[in-house]
Protein backbone atom coordinates (compact mmCIF):
# COMPACT_ATOMS: atom_id res chain seq x y z
CA MET A 1 -1.62 -52.16 -116.34
CA THR A 2 -2.80 -52.04 -119.79
CA GLN A 3 -4.37 -55.30 -119.72
CA ASN A 4 -6.24 -54.34 -116.57
CA GLY A 5 -7.26 -50.87 -117.99
CA ASN A 6 -8.73 -52.27 -121.29
CA PHE A 7 -10.88 -54.84 -119.12
CA LYS A 8 -12.42 -51.83 -116.95
CA ARG A 9 -13.16 -49.87 -120.33
CA ARG A 10 -14.88 -52.96 -121.52
CA VAL A 11 -17.01 -53.09 -118.22
CA ARG A 12 -17.70 -49.48 -118.38
CA ALA A 13 -18.84 -49.77 -122.02
CA ARG A 14 -21.11 -52.74 -121.33
CA ALA A 15 -22.55 -50.74 -118.46
CA ALA A 16 -23.34 -47.83 -120.69
CA LYS A 17 -24.88 -49.80 -123.44
CA THR A 18 -27.09 -52.08 -121.25
CA GLY A 19 -27.93 -49.57 -118.26
CA GLU A 20 -26.45 -52.17 -115.80
CA SER A 21 -24.42 -51.00 -112.80
CA TYR A 22 -20.69 -51.25 -112.84
CA THR A 23 -20.99 -54.22 -110.50
CA ALA A 24 -23.55 -56.03 -112.51
CA ALA A 25 -21.51 -55.28 -115.82
CA LEU A 26 -18.49 -56.81 -114.12
CA HIS A 27 -20.23 -59.79 -112.91
CA ASN A 28 -21.86 -60.39 -116.39
CA ILE A 29 -18.53 -60.02 -118.28
CA ARG A 30 -16.52 -62.56 -115.73
CA GLN A 31 -19.50 -65.10 -116.05
CA GLN A 32 -19.26 -65.36 -119.94
CA PRO A 33 -18.23 -68.86 -120.65
CA ASP A 34 -17.24 -68.42 -124.26
CA ARG A 35 -15.02 -65.53 -123.82
CA PRO A 36 -11.73 -66.51 -125.39
CA ALA A 37 -8.66 -66.84 -122.86
CA LEU A 38 -5.84 -64.48 -122.77
CA ARG A 39 -2.63 -66.57 -123.26
CA SER A 40 0.93 -65.58 -122.71
CA LEU A 41 4.49 -67.06 -123.33
CA ARG A 42 7.80 -65.93 -122.24
CA LEU A 43 10.04 -65.61 -125.31
CA ALA A 44 13.59 -65.11 -126.07
CA VAL A 45 15.20 -64.37 -129.22
CA ALA A 46 18.82 -64.63 -129.95
CA GLN A 47 21.65 -63.43 -132.03
CA THR A 48 24.67 -65.58 -132.55
CA SER A 49 28.14 -65.57 -134.17
CA LEU A 50 28.77 -66.30 -138.02
CA PHE A 51 30.23 -69.77 -138.60
CA ASP A 52 30.43 -70.07 -142.46
CA ASP A 53 32.70 -73.00 -142.86
CA PRO A 54 31.26 -76.28 -142.51
CA ARG A 55 34.58 -78.15 -143.09
CA ASP A 56 35.84 -76.75 -139.71
CA VAL A 57 35.26 -79.17 -137.02
CA SER A 58 36.33 -76.57 -134.56
CA ALA A 59 33.79 -74.00 -135.65
CA LEU A 60 30.98 -76.52 -135.75
CA ARG A 61 31.85 -77.54 -132.18
CA ALA A 62 32.09 -73.88 -131.09
CA SER A 63 28.66 -73.04 -132.64
CA GLY A 64 27.12 -75.65 -130.67
CA ALA A 65 28.50 -74.53 -127.54
CA GLU A 66 27.43 -71.04 -128.10
CA MET A 67 24.09 -72.19 -128.54
CA ARG A 68 23.80 -74.21 -125.40
CA ARG A 69 25.19 -71.20 -123.72
CA LEU A 70 22.44 -69.02 -124.84
CA MET A 71 20.11 -71.73 -123.81
CA ARG A 72 21.22 -71.71 -120.26
CA ASP A 73 20.82 -68.08 -120.26
CA ALA A 74 17.31 -67.94 -121.78
CA HIS A 75 16.30 -70.56 -118.84
CA GLN A 76 17.78 -68.37 -116.25
CA ALA A 77 15.60 -65.61 -117.46
CA GLY A 78 12.52 -68.00 -117.30
CA SER A 79 12.06 -68.26 -121.03
CA ARG A 80 9.65 -71.13 -122.32
CA LEU A 81 11.14 -70.76 -125.82
CA LEU A 82 14.26 -69.48 -127.38
CA HIS A 83 14.60 -68.49 -130.98
CA PHE A 84 17.83 -68.67 -132.94
CA PRO A 85 18.77 -67.13 -136.38
CA GLU A 86 19.19 -68.85 -139.89
CA GLY A 87 22.29 -70.68 -140.05
CA THR A 88 22.66 -71.09 -136.13
CA THR A 89 24.89 -74.15 -136.29
CA CYS A 90 26.61 -72.95 -139.73
CA TRP A 91 25.69 -70.81 -142.36
CA PRO A 92 27.65 -72.18 -145.39
CA GLY A 93 29.49 -69.66 -147.46
CA LYS A 94 28.60 -69.97 -151.09
CA ARG A 95 32.08 -69.66 -152.26
CA ILE A 96 33.55 -72.11 -149.60
CA MET A 97 30.79 -74.58 -150.97
CA SER A 98 31.28 -73.84 -154.69
CA GLU A 99 32.92 -76.80 -156.61
CA THR A 100 34.50 -74.09 -158.70
CA GLY A 101 35.23 -71.70 -155.84
CA PRO A 102 36.10 -69.51 -154.19
CA ARG A 103 36.89 -67.34 -157.12
CA SER A 104 33.43 -68.27 -158.81
CA ILE A 105 30.15 -69.45 -157.49
CA GLY A 106 29.15 -72.77 -158.87
CA PRO A 107 27.05 -75.81 -157.46
CA SER A 108 27.77 -76.67 -153.95
CA ASP A 109 29.76 -79.70 -152.88
CA TRP A 110 28.01 -80.89 -149.85
CA THR A 111 30.40 -83.76 -149.31
CA ARG A 112 32.45 -80.90 -147.73
CA PHE A 113 30.14 -80.77 -144.78
CA GLN A 114 31.36 -82.35 -141.54
CA TRP A 115 27.81 -84.01 -141.13
CA ASP A 116 28.92 -86.35 -138.33
CA VAL A 117 30.18 -83.56 -136.14
CA LEU A 118 26.95 -81.48 -136.84
CA SER A 119 24.75 -84.54 -135.92
CA GLU A 120 26.75 -84.75 -132.57
CA GLU A 121 26.18 -81.24 -131.90
CA LEU A 122 22.46 -81.33 -132.55
CA GLU A 123 21.95 -84.38 -130.35
CA GLU A 124 23.84 -82.66 -127.41
CA THR A 125 21.71 -79.44 -127.90
CA ARG A 126 18.54 -81.63 -128.14
CA ILE A 127 19.39 -83.33 -124.89
CA LEU A 128 19.93 -80.00 -123.16
CA ALA A 129 16.59 -78.73 -124.28
CA GLY A 130 15.07 -81.63 -122.34
CA ALA A 131 17.02 -80.99 -119.43
CA LEU A 132 16.32 -77.20 -119.28
CA LYS A 133 12.62 -77.96 -120.24
CA LEU A 134 13.05 -75.30 -122.88
CA TRP A 135 11.72 -75.10 -126.36
CA ILE A 136 14.38 -74.12 -129.10
CA VAL A 137 13.84 -73.21 -132.75
CA PHE A 138 17.23 -72.94 -134.74
CA GLY A 139 18.53 -72.79 -138.16
CA SER A 140 20.55 -75.49 -139.67
CA VAL A 141 21.27 -77.36 -142.98
CA HIS A 142 19.05 -80.30 -143.18
CA ARG A 143 20.62 -83.23 -145.39
CA LEU A 144 18.64 -85.20 -147.79
CA THR A 145 19.40 -88.30 -149.93
CA PRO A 146 22.09 -87.41 -152.25
CA PRO A 147 22.05 -86.37 -155.03
CA HIS A 148 19.22 -84.04 -153.64
CA ARG A 149 20.51 -80.63 -152.32
CA PRO A 150 19.64 -80.26 -148.71
CA TYR A 151 17.10 -77.92 -147.27
CA ASN A 152 17.76 -74.63 -145.53
CA SER A 153 15.70 -75.21 -142.52
CA LEU A 154 14.52 -74.43 -138.76
CA TYR A 155 14.46 -77.19 -136.55
CA VAL A 156 11.77 -77.10 -133.59
CA VAL A 157 12.77 -78.91 -130.45
CA SER A 158 10.35 -79.12 -127.58
CA ASP A 159 10.84 -78.79 -123.98
CA ARG A 160 11.02 -82.74 -123.73
CA GLY A 161 14.08 -82.63 -125.83
CA GLU A 162 11.89 -84.02 -129.08
CA LEU A 163 12.51 -82.90 -132.51
CA VAL A 164 8.72 -82.24 -133.09
CA THR A 165 8.84 -80.54 -136.70
CA ARG A 166 10.94 -78.76 -139.07
CA TYR A 167 10.35 -75.65 -141.52
CA ASP A 168 12.16 -75.57 -144.85
CA GLU A 169 12.83 -72.22 -146.66
CA ARG A 170 10.32 -72.10 -149.43
CA LEU A 171 11.20 -68.72 -151.20
CA LEU A 172 14.76 -68.91 -151.87
CA SER A 173 17.53 -66.42 -153.35
CA ASN A 174 18.86 -66.63 -156.79
CA THR A 175 22.11 -68.11 -155.44
CA LYS A 176 20.37 -70.60 -152.88
CA ILE A 177 18.15 -71.98 -155.78
CA SER A 178 20.61 -72.14 -158.53
CA PHE A 179 23.59 -73.51 -156.70
CA MET A 180 22.78 -74.68 -153.05
CA TYR A 181 19.35 -75.78 -151.62
CA SER A 182 15.94 -77.53 -152.40
CA PRO A 183 12.98 -75.33 -151.58
CA GLY A 184 10.56 -76.37 -149.23
CA ARG A 185 6.91 -76.57 -149.89
CA ASN A 186 4.64 -75.94 -146.83
CA PRO A 187 3.85 -73.52 -143.86
CA VAL A 188 4.73 -74.95 -140.35
CA THR A 189 2.74 -74.18 -137.09
CA PHE A 190 3.08 -75.51 -133.64
CA GLU A 191 1.74 -74.47 -130.12
CA ILE A 192 3.34 -73.93 -126.72
CA ASP A 193 0.94 -73.22 -123.64
CA GLY A 194 -1.90 -72.48 -126.31
CA VAL A 195 0.21 -69.97 -128.25
CA ARG A 196 0.01 -70.67 -131.77
CA ILE A 197 3.49 -70.09 -133.63
CA GLY A 198 4.70 -70.15 -137.46
CA CYS A 199 8.10 -70.24 -138.98
CA ALA A 200 9.70 -68.15 -141.89
CA LEU A 201 13.16 -68.11 -142.92
CA GLY A 202 16.04 -66.40 -144.83
CA MET A 203 14.72 -63.98 -147.37
CA GLU A 204 11.08 -64.69 -146.97
CA VAL A 205 10.48 -61.27 -145.14
CA HIS A 206 10.19 -59.79 -148.51
CA TYR A 207 7.26 -61.67 -149.61
CA PRO A 208 4.06 -60.50 -147.74
CA GLU A 209 2.05 -63.58 -148.84
CA ILE A 210 4.16 -65.73 -146.43
CA PHE A 211 3.06 -63.61 -143.44
CA VAL A 212 -0.66 -63.30 -144.81
CA GLU A 213 -0.81 -66.89 -144.85
CA TYR A 214 0.25 -67.44 -141.21
CA GLU A 215 -2.50 -64.84 -140.41
CA THR A 216 -5.07 -66.98 -142.04
CA LEU A 217 -3.75 -70.21 -140.16
CA GLY A 218 -4.28 -68.19 -136.79
CA VAL A 219 -0.90 -67.71 -135.54
CA ASP A 220 -0.06 -65.50 -132.53
CA CYS A 221 3.50 -65.23 -133.42
CA VAL A 222 5.73 -65.75 -136.46
CA LEU A 223 9.61 -66.64 -135.84
CA PHE A 224 11.51 -65.20 -138.75
CA SER A 225 15.04 -66.30 -138.77
CA THR A 226 17.59 -64.52 -140.88
CA ALA A 227 21.29 -64.10 -141.74
CA GLY A 228 20.44 -60.71 -142.58
CA GLY A 229 21.79 -60.24 -145.93
CA THR A 230 24.57 -57.58 -146.03
CA PRO A 231 25.04 -55.56 -142.95
CA SER A 232 23.81 -52.59 -145.17
CA GLY A 233 20.72 -54.40 -146.03
CA ALA A 234 20.00 -55.82 -142.58
CA PRO A 235 17.78 -52.54 -141.54
CA ALA A 236 15.52 -53.18 -144.68
CA PHE A 237 15.01 -56.89 -143.26
CA ALA A 238 14.09 -55.42 -139.83
CA ALA A 239 11.58 -52.69 -141.14
CA GLU A 240 9.87 -55.26 -143.07
CA ALA A 241 9.36 -57.44 -139.74
CA LEU A 242 7.85 -54.62 -138.00
CA GLY A 243 5.63 -53.92 -141.10
CA HIS A 244 4.34 -57.59 -141.19
CA ALA A 245 3.75 -57.62 -137.32
CA ALA A 246 1.58 -54.34 -137.81
CA SER A 247 -0.32 -55.51 -141.07
CA ASN A 248 -1.24 -58.79 -139.62
CA SER A 249 -1.71 -58.10 -135.78
CA TYR A 250 0.51 -60.64 -134.65
CA TRP A 251 3.91 -60.77 -132.80
CA ILE A 252 7.22 -61.33 -134.87
CA SER A 253 10.29 -62.62 -133.40
CA PHE A 254 13.48 -61.35 -135.66
CA SER A 255 16.37 -63.34 -135.29
CA THR A 256 19.68 -62.70 -137.07
CA LEU A 257 23.21 -63.31 -136.72
CA ALA A 258 25.42 -61.02 -134.48
CA PRO A 259 27.40 -59.35 -137.15
CA GLN A 260 24.25 -57.70 -138.48
CA SER A 261 23.25 -56.27 -135.03
CA PRO A 262 25.02 -52.90 -135.40
CA GLY A 263 22.44 -52.03 -138.23
CA ALA A 264 19.61 -54.43 -137.18
CA PRO A 265 19.97 -56.45 -133.91
CA SER A 266 17.49 -59.54 -133.01
CA GLY A 267 14.41 -58.29 -131.48
CA ILE A 268 10.68 -59.08 -130.92
CA ALA A 269 8.11 -56.93 -132.45
CA SER A 270 4.54 -56.35 -131.07
CA PRO A 271 1.32 -56.59 -133.01
CA GLU A 272 1.35 -52.74 -132.93
CA GLY A 273 4.51 -52.74 -135.30
CA GLN A 274 6.95 -51.69 -132.50
CA TRP A 275 10.00 -53.44 -130.92
CA ALA A 276 9.07 -54.74 -127.49
CA ILE A 277 12.76 -55.69 -126.99
CA GLN A 278 16.06 -56.00 -128.95
CA CYS A 279 19.51 -57.28 -128.43
CA PRO A 280 22.49 -55.27 -128.03
CA MET A 281 23.63 -53.62 -131.17
CA ASP A 282 27.23 -54.43 -130.47
CA GLY A 283 28.15 -57.48 -132.96
CA GLN A 284 28.15 -59.97 -130.01
CA PRO A 285 26.31 -63.12 -129.33
CA ALA A 286 23.14 -62.28 -126.99
CA ILE A 287 19.55 -62.95 -126.07
CA ALA A 288 16.58 -60.48 -125.28
CA VAL A 289 13.45 -61.85 -123.46
CA THR A 290 9.90 -60.54 -123.23
CA GLU A 291 6.55 -61.71 -122.54
CA ILE A 292 4.08 -62.05 -125.55
CA GLN A 293 0.43 -62.04 -125.23
CA THR A 294 -2.40 -63.05 -127.30
CA ASN A 295 -5.20 -60.75 -127.99
CA PRO A 296 -8.51 -62.57 -128.16
CA GLU A 297 -10.67 -59.39 -128.34
CA GLY A 298 -8.70 -57.90 -131.06
CA LEU A 299 -11.05 -56.76 -133.79
CA ALA A 300 -8.47 -55.96 -136.72
CA ARG A 301 -7.81 -59.59 -137.73
CA SER A 302 -11.54 -60.77 -137.77
CA TRP A 303 -12.16 -57.37 -139.67
CA ARG A 304 -9.55 -58.46 -142.37
CA LYS A 305 -11.12 -61.67 -142.66
CA GLN A 306 -14.43 -60.34 -143.54
CA VAL A 307 -12.85 -57.84 -146.05
CA ARG A 308 -11.16 -60.78 -147.85
CA ASN A 309 -14.27 -62.78 -147.94
CA ASN A 310 -16.15 -60.25 -150.46
CA LEU A 311 -17.57 -58.08 -147.61
CA TYR A 312 -17.80 -55.09 -150.00
CA ALA A 313 -19.20 -56.80 -152.68
CA PRO A 314 -22.80 -56.21 -152.07
CA HIS A 315 -22.09 -52.59 -151.73
CA HIS A 316 -20.51 -51.87 -155.19
CA ILE A 317 -22.29 -49.62 -157.33
CA GLU A 318 -23.75 -50.83 -160.71
CA GLY A 319 -25.24 -48.63 -163.54
CA ASP A 320 -24.51 -45.22 -162.23
CA LEU A 321 -23.11 -42.96 -164.84
CA ARG A 322 -21.18 -40.93 -162.18
CA SER A 323 -19.94 -44.04 -160.95
CA ASP A 324 -18.94 -45.61 -164.25
CA GLU A 325 -17.74 -42.57 -166.23
CA ARG A 326 -13.89 -41.44 -164.89
CA SER A 327 -13.67 -38.30 -167.01
CA LEU A 328 -16.06 -36.38 -164.81
CA PHE A 329 -15.64 -34.18 -161.94
């Protein structure tokens, strides 16, 4: 209804401006060949259980099984893309991984990770994505060649069951950069049905430059995956995600672990900075689904682009005493 109402207002505005009849204005707007197409995507966001011990084979198996159950739920709901949180497969505990732990936090011993079991679960999940014709984006540890520390990553798997790209967290916490992970370097974007999507991870919601960068890259939605920090801090993460959605005029999918949900459940924020849908606040694994749409006629992003390209420079006042002197009323 909103989309139809906006279109009618545009027709009436043209008719008023040009003096055409409503019918003529309607015909001319429909005939415009260069009018950007409105695109939509049915998006699901997940919140999943916390599995923090990569030595525990049964836990790694359980995380994979839970992912695939939620994938089937998303498929049943007609989703094209399912977005998971940071550390979906396992979010290794810093004290569990510490060479000097658990009483103290030191460099992580990544030989403790059951990498072969993780690989088996990832492969089974990839195959199911292809069978369901469902895109998935999920958090996992990405192993590098020793002695390099791994990346904290998001894997992007297509509806053909192909691993198409990977995003590595770039702006790490003090513990992560000191003892656990290597930092990534690049933003990552990909497209589904003409909708352009970017990725962010971990604590990057605290850095507006990450989200401004994705606006300049022309994304329609950013998938932000987090483990949410502490339950008491989780609402701040969610509030910042809403702010980035509004200030950059794009959708943000906010995916976190289920234990965070009583304070800040996973959800999808609209470009107006409002929750379009959220998961339950009950601490349980779940998904929430909504339709996201591009806004080719939105003016806010094009205006900000002009502003950032020195729009105001020709209007600055030079040589006026009442401008230069700041001690005058």
